[in-house]
Structures are given as structure tokens and as C-alpha cells.
């Protein structure tokens, strides 16, 4: 078989290990793996009429020698993008397709992608990514492309699996940086606002605050009143013998009265962390440290759990591919590895179970029960 593989969306630690383990699994049986650079953008940028130039730009042969040491670092050696070929903006259209598009866009260039899959003689395709990447994988499945999905996102918000590759390392990084930030926050007797990634799901903020014993946590699922938050943090600071307080905030959190920022999820806006810090200072006169962990959460190599998950997800994806199982998503459910139909992606993104895990009045994790909950909760 000739199998294509790509990584889309945000990079997370463990992706390279997943690529390596997949290649080792299928190469053992004599199959060929073609890496596609920059996620779905790689297929979009491939010109079947100029195969040599396109291959140099968008493809890389992944054999055992090529992947031997890639798992020693984070990120993805295939690079990544957030391009969705079914919704291509005008500036994203490859030059060799630009003159064929009508109207102002966005354009659905799936017919071109299907032509590229045929031109590359791919017997199967493996997509490693989060909800957006896997949503387009589902589109290709409906178009007849043999495809298997691997969930990878530090937001841990993909339905059909209790765990997504990258989440453990992101939380581990967040907890470490939160504890380190305590030294400056406490030394100056300030309030610290720590902004974490998580636009549609507040799980990283919730779990990081839960594990690091942060005073308050703001999540995407529950709008917050800045005046109430400020009063709570002032009281937290007063009660703390070290005279400081901390709050984590998901980048997708929003204040009461706001309209959630969903129209352009990657568009420019003032960060919610900065806005929250400014409100607290205005309302209380208290000095505030605002720290966005951002890409630090997903930088560097994976922890041991993500190494384990990356390896096992890759082996399962390899087995499904070689067994000619199509339209499947590998994952973990109730602590057990398995796979589910890829169309579970149509359920949207997974959200925090507010009723069980969050006090919406006090803005803090309140885990009422962990019975029957997955290891990382949600």
C-alpha cells in the first residue's frame, strides 16, 4: 500500500512520536508512507500538472531512517496549517488554481484535493489533528477517500475519545508555569491572571487550576462577571498569608453581556487575559500580573503519557489502515483503546461538564464526583 499521512491544526508534543510509530508499524509489512507537508494545505498546493516541482514542495518520503530520531523533539516534522480545502480564502488559493475560481470566496476546492489524492496514487490517508482537521477528513471519507483519523489537540475536545494527544503535556506545562509564577506574584503581593489556550472548551483552564490549586478558573462554557471576579480575588488575596491570588482563564472565555467570539475564531481581538487584568486593576486598584502561556503550553517534547498515547494511537491507525477499515477514529474510552466511526466529529466539540466539575457562581473547579469520569475529567 501507498499511505499518505498529515498533521493539521495546532502542533502538540507527541506528534512526531505518532508519525514515527505509524511508519514503523506499516513499514514492517513493506508498505510505503508519504508525508504531506503543512496539513491539508499540502494537498491543496500540489499541482498534478507539475508533479516533480509539487512533490519537492509538499511531499516527503517517511521511511524508518527518516523517522529514526524525530521523536526526540516536539512539534511536527511535517509542519502544519489550519487550511480547510472546503473553505479556502482568496489569499489561500494556489496560484495555479487562482484563475479558475468565480466570486469572492471562500471556495470549496475539494474536487482539486480528490484529483491530487488520485494523482499521488494514495491507497489510504491518515489525518492527525483536532476537530477542524478531522472534520475535513470526514468530508473526504464521504467523498470515498479511504481515511483514518487520529485525535490530536491539547484542548481535549474531540468527541469519540476521552483523550486527545497533547493534552497531558499541555496541562503539565501549565501547572509547572503556574507554580513558578507564584514566586513573583507572592513576592509583590499581586493578583495573577494566567491565560491558557482553549477557545471552545475550558478543560485546560479547569484541569490546570484544579491540579495547581489556583484560586479561580474562567472557562469558555460560563460567562463571568468581572466585578464579581474582582471581589472574589480580592478576598482570596486577603485570606492568603502570602497576600496574593491567581486565576486561570481560557482564551475563549468571555464576560457577561458579551457575544462569544465565534464568527472568526482565529481573528484578531484583545486577549481576554489582558482585558480581565485591566478590569481587575480598574475595579480594585490592585496591581495585576497578566501572563499568557500560549505556545509555551505546546512547546518542547511530550511527557511520558503523551509518548504512550502517541505510540498506541499510531499502531491502531496502522492496523486499521492495513485492515482496510475506513472512516474510523482511534481513541480512548473508559481507559481502553479502540476506534469509533469518524462521523462522531459531526457532534461538534466536547465541552466541560459544568454541572459536575465547576462552580459557576464561585468561578472555580468543584469536582463533585469522579466516579465514572475519565482520568482527565471533562
Protein backbone atom coordinates (compact mmCIF):
# COMPACT_ATOMS: atom_id res chain seq x y z
CA UNK A 1 0.00 0.00 0.00
CA UNK A 2 0.95 3.64 -0.52
CA UNK A 3 -0.31 5.58 2.50
CA UNK A 4 -0.41 9.35 2.93
CA UNK A 5 -0.18 10.94 6.38
CA UNK A 6 -0.51 14.55 7.51
CA UNK A 7 -0.72 16.71 10.63
CA UNK A 8 -3.11 19.67 10.79
CA UNK A 9 -4.13 22.37 13.24
CA UNK A 10 -2.03 23.38 16.23
CA UNK A 11 1.17 21.49 16.95
CA UNK A 12 1.32 19.42 20.13
CA UNK A 13 4.09 17.41 21.80
CA UNK A 14 3.93 13.76 20.78
CA UNK A 15 3.04 14.27 17.11
CA UNK A 16 6.48 13.25 15.89
CA UNK A 17 6.32 10.11 18.03
CA UNK A 18 2.97 9.31 16.43
CA UNK A 19 4.47 9.71 12.94
CA UNK A 20 7.43 7.52 13.83
CA UNK A 21 5.34 4.76 15.37
CA UNK A 22 2.98 4.73 12.38
CA UNK A 23 5.84 4.43 9.90
CA UNK A 24 7.45 1.65 11.91
CA UNK A 25 4.16 -0.23 12.10
CA UNK A 26 3.34 -0.19 8.37
CA UNK A 27 6.91 -0.27 7.04
CA UNK A 28 7.38 -3.54 8.92
CA UNK A 29 4.95 -5.10 6.43
CA UNK A 30 6.60 -3.45 3.42
CA UNK A 31 4.21 -0.54 2.85
CA UNK A 32 5.17 2.97 1.72
CA UNK A 33 4.36 6.14 3.70
CA UNK A 34 4.20 9.56 2.07
CA UNK A 35 4.25 12.54 4.42
CA UNK A 36 2.18 15.53 3.31
CA UNK A 37 3.58 18.86 4.44
CA UNK A 38 1.50 21.60 6.11
CA UNK A 39 -1.66 19.56 6.67
CA UNK A 40 -4.47 19.93 4.17
CA UNK A 41 -2.58 22.85 2.61
CA UNK A 42 -0.08 20.31 1.26
CA UNK A 43 -2.73 18.58 -0.83
CA UNK A 44 -4.16 21.93 -1.87
CA UNK A 45 -0.75 23.18 -3.05
CA UNK A 46 0.05 20.07 -5.08
CA UNK A 47 -0.25 20.64 -8.84
CA UNK A 48 -0.80 17.32 -10.66
CA UNK A 49 0.33 19.01 -13.88
CA UNK A 50 3.72 19.79 -12.30
CA UNK A 51 4.35 16.66 -10.23
CA UNK A 52 8.11 16.98 -9.75
CA UNK A 53 8.06 20.56 -8.53
CA UNK A 54 4.98 19.93 -6.41
CA UNK A 55 6.44 16.83 -4.78
CA UNK A 56 9.57 18.71 -3.75
CA UNK A 57 7.41 21.40 -2.19
CA UNK A 58 4.73 19.36 -0.47
CA UNK A 59 5.78 15.73 -0.02
CA UNK A 60 8.39 13.83 1.97
CA UNK A 61 9.08 10.11 1.98
CA UNK A 62 8.80 8.74 5.51
CA UNK A 63 10.84 5.60 5.99
CA UNK A 64 12.49 4.13 9.06
CA UNK A 65 15.70 6.05 8.51
CA UNK A 66 13.89 9.35 8.05
CA UNK A 67 11.86 8.99 11.27
CA UNK A 68 14.55 7.36 13.42
CA UNK A 69 15.18 10.37 15.67
CA UNK A 70 12.18 12.64 15.09
CA UNK A 71 10.51 11.68 18.36
CA UNK A 72 13.31 13.35 20.32
CA UNK A 73 11.72 16.76 19.79
CA UNK A 74 8.28 18.34 19.91
CA UNK A 75 6.21 19.87 17.13
CA UNK A 76 5.72 18.11 13.82
CA UNK A 77 8.40 17.49 11.20
CA UNK A 78 5.69 17.62 8.54
CA UNK A 79 4.75 21.17 9.63
CA UNK A 80 1.13 22.14 9.90
CA UNK A 81 -1.55 24.65 8.93
CA UNK A 82 -5.19 25.43 9.62
CA UNK A 83 -6.24 25.46 5.95
CA UNK A 84 -9.59 23.82 5.23
CA UNK A 85 -9.88 22.99 1.50
CA UNK A 86 -13.66 23.27 1.70
CA UNK A 87 -13.44 26.90 2.87
CA UNK A 88 -10.43 28.45 1.12
CA UNK A 89 -9.99 32.19 1.34
CA UNK A 90 -8.86 34.05 -1.76
CA UNK A 91 -5.30 34.59 -0.50
CA UNK A 92 -5.00 30.85 0.23
CA UNK A 93 -5.86 29.69 -3.30
CA UNK A 94 -2.74 28.26 -5.01
CA UNK A 95 -1.52 30.35 -7.93
CA UNK A 96 -2.21 27.60 -10.46
CA UNK A 97 -5.88 27.48 -9.40
CA UNK A 98 -6.44 31.20 -8.89
CA UNK A 99 -7.77 31.95 -12.37
CA UNK A 100 -10.41 29.22 -12.21
CA UNK A 101 -12.36 30.49 -9.20
CA UNK A 102 -15.55 32.53 -9.51
CA UNK A 103 -16.89 35.02 -6.98
CA UNK A 104 -15.22 36.30 -3.84
CA UNK A 105 -14.96 33.04 -1.90
CA UNK A 106 -14.48 31.23 0.31
CA UNK A 107 -14.08 28.41 -2.20
CA UNK A 108 -14.65 24.68 -1.90
CA UNK A 109 -11.59 23.17 -3.59
CA UNK A 110 -12.36 19.59 -2.60
CA UNK A 111 -12.55 18.50 -6.27
CA UNK A 112 -8.93 19.53 -6.63
CA UNK A 113 -7.95 17.63 -3.46
CA UNK A 114 -9.66 14.49 -4.77
CA UNK A 115 -7.74 14.84 -8.02
CA UNK A 116 -4.49 15.13 -6.05
CA UNK A 117 -5.25 12.01 -3.98
CA UNK A 118 -5.71 10.11 -7.26
CA UNK A 119 -2.58 11.61 -8.80
CA UNK A 120 -0.49 10.59 -5.78
CA UNK A 121 -1.87 7.04 -6.02
CA UNK A 122 -2.74 7.00 -2.32
CA UNK A 123 -4.42 3.81 -1.18
CA UNK A 124 -5.27 5.38 2.17
CA UNK A 125 -4.84 8.60 4.11
CA UNK A 126 -4.24 9.19 7.83
CA UNK A 127 -5.10 12.60 9.31
CA UNK A 128 -3.69 13.61 12.71
CA UNK A 129 -5.43 16.64 14.14
CA UNK A 130 -8.20 18.25 16.12
CA UNK A 131 -11.84 18.92 15.34
CA UNK A 132 -11.23 21.12 12.27
CA UNK A 133 -8.69 18.78 10.69
CA UNK A 134 -10.86 15.75 11.37
CA UNK A 135 -13.99 17.48 10.07
CA UNK A 136 -12.37 17.76 6.66
CA UNK A 137 -11.18 14.16 6.97
CA UNK A 138 -14.84 13.23 7.39
CA UNK A 139 -15.68 15.21 4.25
CA UNK A 140 -13.11 13.21 2.28
CA UNK A 141 -14.48 9.99 3.76
CA UNK A 142 -17.90 10.92 2.41
CA UNK A 143 -16.23 11.56 -0.96
CA UNK A 144 -14.88 8.00 -0.97
CA UNK A 145 -11.31 8.55 0.22
CA UNK A 146 -10.08 5.70 2.48
CA UNK A 147 -9.22 7.61 5.65
CA UNK A 148 -8.41 7.09 9.35
CA UNK A 149 -8.31 9.87 11.96
CA UNK A 150 -6.05 10.35 14.98
CA UNK A 151 -7.25 12.90 17.59
CA UNK A 152 -4.57 15.46 18.44
CA UNK A 153 -5.36 18.64 20.36
CA UNK A 154 -4.32 19.99 23.71
CA UNK A 155 -7.89 21.26 24.18
CA UNK A 156 -9.00 17.60 24.50
CA UNK A 157 -12.34 18.50 22.91
CA UNK A 158 -12.87 15.81 20.24
CA UNK A 159 -15.95 13.64 20.68
CA UNK A 160 -15.49 9.88 20.49
CA UNK A 161 -12.41 9.77 22.72
CA UNK A 162 -11.75 10.58 26.37
CA UNK A 163 -8.24 11.70 25.50
CA UNK A 164 -6.54 13.58 22.67
CA UNK A 165 -2.82 13.53 22.01
CA UNK A 166 -1.06 16.53 23.56
CA UNK A 167 -3.43 17.28 26.44
CA UNK A 168 -1.34 15.81 29.25
CA UNK A 169 1.79 17.71 28.25
CA UNK A 170 -0.14 20.97 27.89
CA UNK A 171 -1.59 20.62 31.39
CA UNK A 172 1.78 19.57 32.81
CA UNK A 173 3.43 22.65 31.29
CA UNK A 174 0.63 24.88 32.60
CA UNK A 175 0.86 23.57 36.15
CA UNK A 176 4.65 23.98 36.15
CA UNK A 177 4.50 27.58 34.92
CA UNK A 178 1.67 28.47 37.32
CA UNK A 179 3.72 27.26 40.27
CA UNK A 180 6.77 29.17 39.02
CA UNK A 181 4.68 32.32 38.63
CA UNK A 182 3.68 32.10 42.28
CA UNK A 183 7.14 33.33 43.32
CA UNK A 184 6.83 36.73 41.60
CA UNK A 185 3.12 37.07 42.31
CA UNK A 186 3.63 36.34 46.00
CA UNK A 187 6.79 38.42 46.34
CA UNK A 188 4.93 41.51 45.11
CA UNK A 189 1.60 40.61 46.73
CA UNK A 190 -0.17 40.90 43.37
CA UNK A 191 -3.03 39.17 41.61
CA UNK A 192 -2.02 36.99 38.64
CA UNK A 193 -4.16 36.32 35.58
CA UNK A 194 -2.85 33.30 33.66
CA UNK A 195 -4.32 32.91 30.17
CA UNK A 196 -4.30 29.42 28.67
CA UNK A 197 -5.20 28.15 25.22
CA UNK A 198 -8.69 26.75 24.81
CA UNK A 199 -11.09 28.65 22.57
CA UNK A 200 -14.16 26.39 22.57
CA UNK A 201 -13.51 24.16 25.59
CA UNK A 202 -12.35 25.30 29.02
CA UNK A 203 -10.84 21.99 30.04
CA UNK A 204 -7.21 23.16 30.06
CA UNK A 205 -8.09 26.08 32.35
CA UNK A 206 -10.27 23.92 34.58
CA UNK A 207 -7.88 20.99 34.97
CA UNK A 208 -4.76 23.16 35.31
CA UNK A 209 -6.41 25.24 38.03
CA UNK A 210 -7.67 22.07 39.73
CA UNK A 211 -4.23 20.47 39.80
CA UNK A 212 -2.29 23.64 40.67
CA UNK A 213 -4.78 24.73 43.38
CA UNK A 214 -5.43 28.07 41.69
CA UNK A 215 -7.97 30.31 43.43
CA UNK A 216 -10.33 30.81 40.46
CA UNK A 217 -10.69 29.50 36.92
CA UNK A 218 -12.58 31.05 33.99
CA UNK A 219 -13.80 28.72 31.25
CA UNK A 220 -15.40 29.12 27.83
CA UNK A 221 -18.63 27.48 28.89
CA UNK A 222 -19.61 30.02 31.57
CA UNK A 223 -19.55 33.81 31.06
CA UNK A 224 -18.12 35.70 34.04
CA UNK A 225 -18.95 38.99 35.75
CA UNK A 226 -15.68 40.94 36.08
CA UNK A 227 -16.92 42.82 39.17
CA UNK A 228 -17.80 39.59 40.94
CA UNK A 229 -14.49 38.03 39.90
CA UNK A 230 -12.54 41.03 41.17
CA UNK A 231 -14.29 40.88 44.54
CA UNK A 232 -13.58 37.17 44.87
CA UNK A 233 -9.90 37.61 44.03
CA UNK A 234 -9.50 40.48 46.49
CA UNK A 235 -10.95 38.23 49.19
CA UNK A 236 -8.69 35.34 48.08
CA UNK A 237 -5.69 37.64 48.37
CA UNK A 238 -6.78 38.84 51.83
CA UNK A 239 -7.16 35.29 53.12
CA UNK A 240 -3.80 34.13 51.72
CA UNK A 241 -0.97 34.50 54.28
CA UNK A 242 1.32 35.32 51.35
CA UNK A 243 -1.06 38.07 50.17
CA UNK A 244 -1.58 37.08 46.56
CA UNK A 245 -4.24 35.42 44.38
CA UNK A 246 -4.35 33.70 41.00
CA UNK A 247 -6.91 32.99 38.29
CA UNK A 248 -6.63 30.96 35.10
CA UNK A 249 -8.64 31.98 32.06
CA UNK A 250 -9.36 30.14 28.82
CA UNK A 251 -8.63 32.23 25.74
CA UNK A 252 -12.23 31.63 24.65
CA UNK A 253 -13.78 32.84 27.92
CA UNK A 254 -15.98 35.93 27.82
CA UNK A 255 -17.65 38.38 30.18
CA UNK A 256 -21.36 38.59 30.90
CA UNK A 257 -23.09 40.73 28.33
CA UNK A 258 -20.52 39.90 25.64
CA UNK A 259 -21.20 37.98 22.46
CA UNK A 260 -18.86 34.96 22.30
CA UNK A 261 -16.14 35.41 19.71
CA UNK A 262 -17.15 32.60 17.33
CA UNK A 263 -17.55 34.31 13.94
CA UNK A 264 -13.81 34.37 13.29
CA UNK A 265 -12.21 32.05 15.86
CA UNK A 266 -8.67 32.91 14.77
CA UNK A 267 -9.27 36.58 14.09
CA UNK A 268 -7.63 39.45 15.99
CA UNK A 269 -9.09 40.60 19.29
CA UNK A 270 -7.86 41.90 22.61
CA UNK A 271 -6.93 38.87 24.66
CA UNK A 272 -9.37 38.00 27.39
CA UNK A 273 -6.47 37.71 29.83
CA UNK A 274 -5.39 41.31 29.22
CA UNK A 275 -8.98 42.57 29.38
CA UNK A 276 -9.58 40.70 32.64
CA UNK A 277 -6.40 42.07 34.19
CA UNK A 278 -7.32 45.61 33.17
CA UNK A 279 -10.79 45.26 34.69
CA UNK A 280 -9.40 43.94 37.97
CA UNK A 281 -6.96 46.83 38.24
CA UNK A 282 -9.67 49.37 37.38
CA UNK A 283 -12.14 47.94 39.87
CA UNK A 284 -9.77 47.29 42.78
CA UNK A 285 -6.68 49.42 42.27
CA UNK A 286 -4.69 46.23 42.78
CA UNK A 287 -1.58 45.55 40.73
CA UNK A 288 -2.13 42.63 38.37
CA UNK A 289 0.31 40.34 36.57
CA UNK A 290 -1.09 39.12 33.25
CA UNK A 291 0.73 36.11 31.83
CA UNK A 292 -0.31 34.34 28.63
CA UNK A 293 1.25 30.90 28.49
CA UNK A 294 0.08 30.45 24.90
CA UNK A 295 2.52 28.46 22.83
CA UNK A 296 4.63 27.55 25.85
CA UNK A 297 1.89 25.04 26.67
CA UNK A 298 2.54 23.16 23.43
CA UNK A 299 6.29 23.68 23.08
CA UNK A 300 9.03 21.13 23.63
CA UNK A 301 8.86 17.38 23.90
CA UNK A 302 5.97 15.27 25.23
CA UNK A 303 5.60 13.82 28.69
CA UNK A 304 5.52 10.06 29.18
CA UNK A 305 1.75 9.79 28.92
CA UNK A 306 1.69 11.52 25.54
CA UNK A 307 4.56 9.30 24.36
CA UNK A 308 2.47 6.28 25.31
CA UNK A 309 -0.72 7.60 23.70
CA UNK A 310 1.06 8.74 20.54
CA UNK A 311 2.61 5.32 20.06
CA UNK A 312 -0.58 3.37 20.68
CA UNK A 313 -2.78 5.67 18.58
CA UNK A 314 -0.32 5.25 15.71
CA UNK A 315 -0.27 1.46 16.00
CA UNK A 316 -4.08 1.35 15.99
CA UNK A 317 -4.22 3.70 12.98
CA UNK A 318 -1.73 1.48 11.20
CA UNK A 319 -3.72 -1.65 11.95
CA UNK A 320 -6.97 -0.07 10.73
CA UNK A 321 -5.29 1.15 7.55
CA UNK A 322 -3.74 -2.20 6.72
CA UNK A 323 -7.01 -3.99 7.51
CA UNK A 324 -8.73 -1.61 5.07
CA UNK A 325 -11.02 -0.25 7.77
CA UNK A 326 -12.20 3.17 6.58
CA UNK A 327 -13.79 6.21 8.16
CA UNK A 328 -12.60 5.38 11.67
CA UNK A 329 -11.24 7.48 14.55
CA UNK A 330 -8.85 5.94 17.05
CA UNK A 331 -9.17 6.92 20.69
CA UNK A 332 -9.50 6.04 24.35
CA UNK A 333 -12.79 5.35 26.09
CA UNK A 334 -13.11 4.32 29.74
CA UNK A 335 -9.38 3.68 29.85
CA UNK A 336 -9.47 1.32 26.88
CA UNK A 337 -8.02 1.86 23.41
CA UNK A 338 -10.38 1.42 20.50
CA UNK A 339 -11.92 3.11 17.48
CA UNK A 340 -15.25 4.67 16.57
CA UNK A 341 -16.88 5.89 13.36
CA UNK A 342 -15.30 9.13 12.15
CA UNK A 343 -18.72 10.75 11.82
CA UNK A 344 -18.68 11.28 15.60
CA UNK A 345 -16.97 14.53 14.57
CA UNK A 346 -20.39 15.82 13.48
CA UNK A 347 -21.31 16.18 17.16
CA UNK A 348 -19.15 19.32 17.36
CA UNK A 349 -16.58 19.98 20.06
CA UNK A 350 -16.69 18.45 23.52
CA UNK A 351 -17.35 20.89 26.39
CA UNK A 352 -16.72 20.92 30.13
CA UNK A 353 -19.41 19.17 32.21
CA UNK A 354 -20.19 22.29 34.22
CA UNK A 355 -22.79 20.62 36.47
CA UNK A 356 -20.29 18.04 37.73
CA UNK A 357 -16.98 19.89 37.62
CA UNK A 358 -17.46 23.63 38.00
CA UNK A 359 -18.96 26.14 40.44
CA UNK A 360 -20.39 28.75 38.10
CA UNK A 361 -21.04 31.19 40.95
CA UNK A 362 -17.58 30.99 42.50
CA UNK A 363 -15.65 30.57 39.22
CA UNK A 364 -13.62 27.61 40.39
CA UNK A 365 -13.28 23.86 39.81
CA UNK A 366 -15.63 21.97 42.09
CA UNK A 367 -15.29 18.29 41.35
CA UNK A 368 -18.37 16.83 42.97
CA UNK A 369 -17.66 13.27 41.86
CA UNK A 370 -15.07 11.45 39.81
CA UNK A 371 -16.98 8.16 39.72
CA UNK A 372 -17.46 7.05 36.10
CA UNK A 373 -15.41 10.03 34.89
CA UNK A 374 -12.41 9.53 32.56
CA UNK A 375 -8.93 10.00 34.01
CA UNK A 376 -8.61 13.64 32.95
CA UNK A 377 -12.27 14.51 33.58
CA UNK A 378 -14.24 16.69 31.14
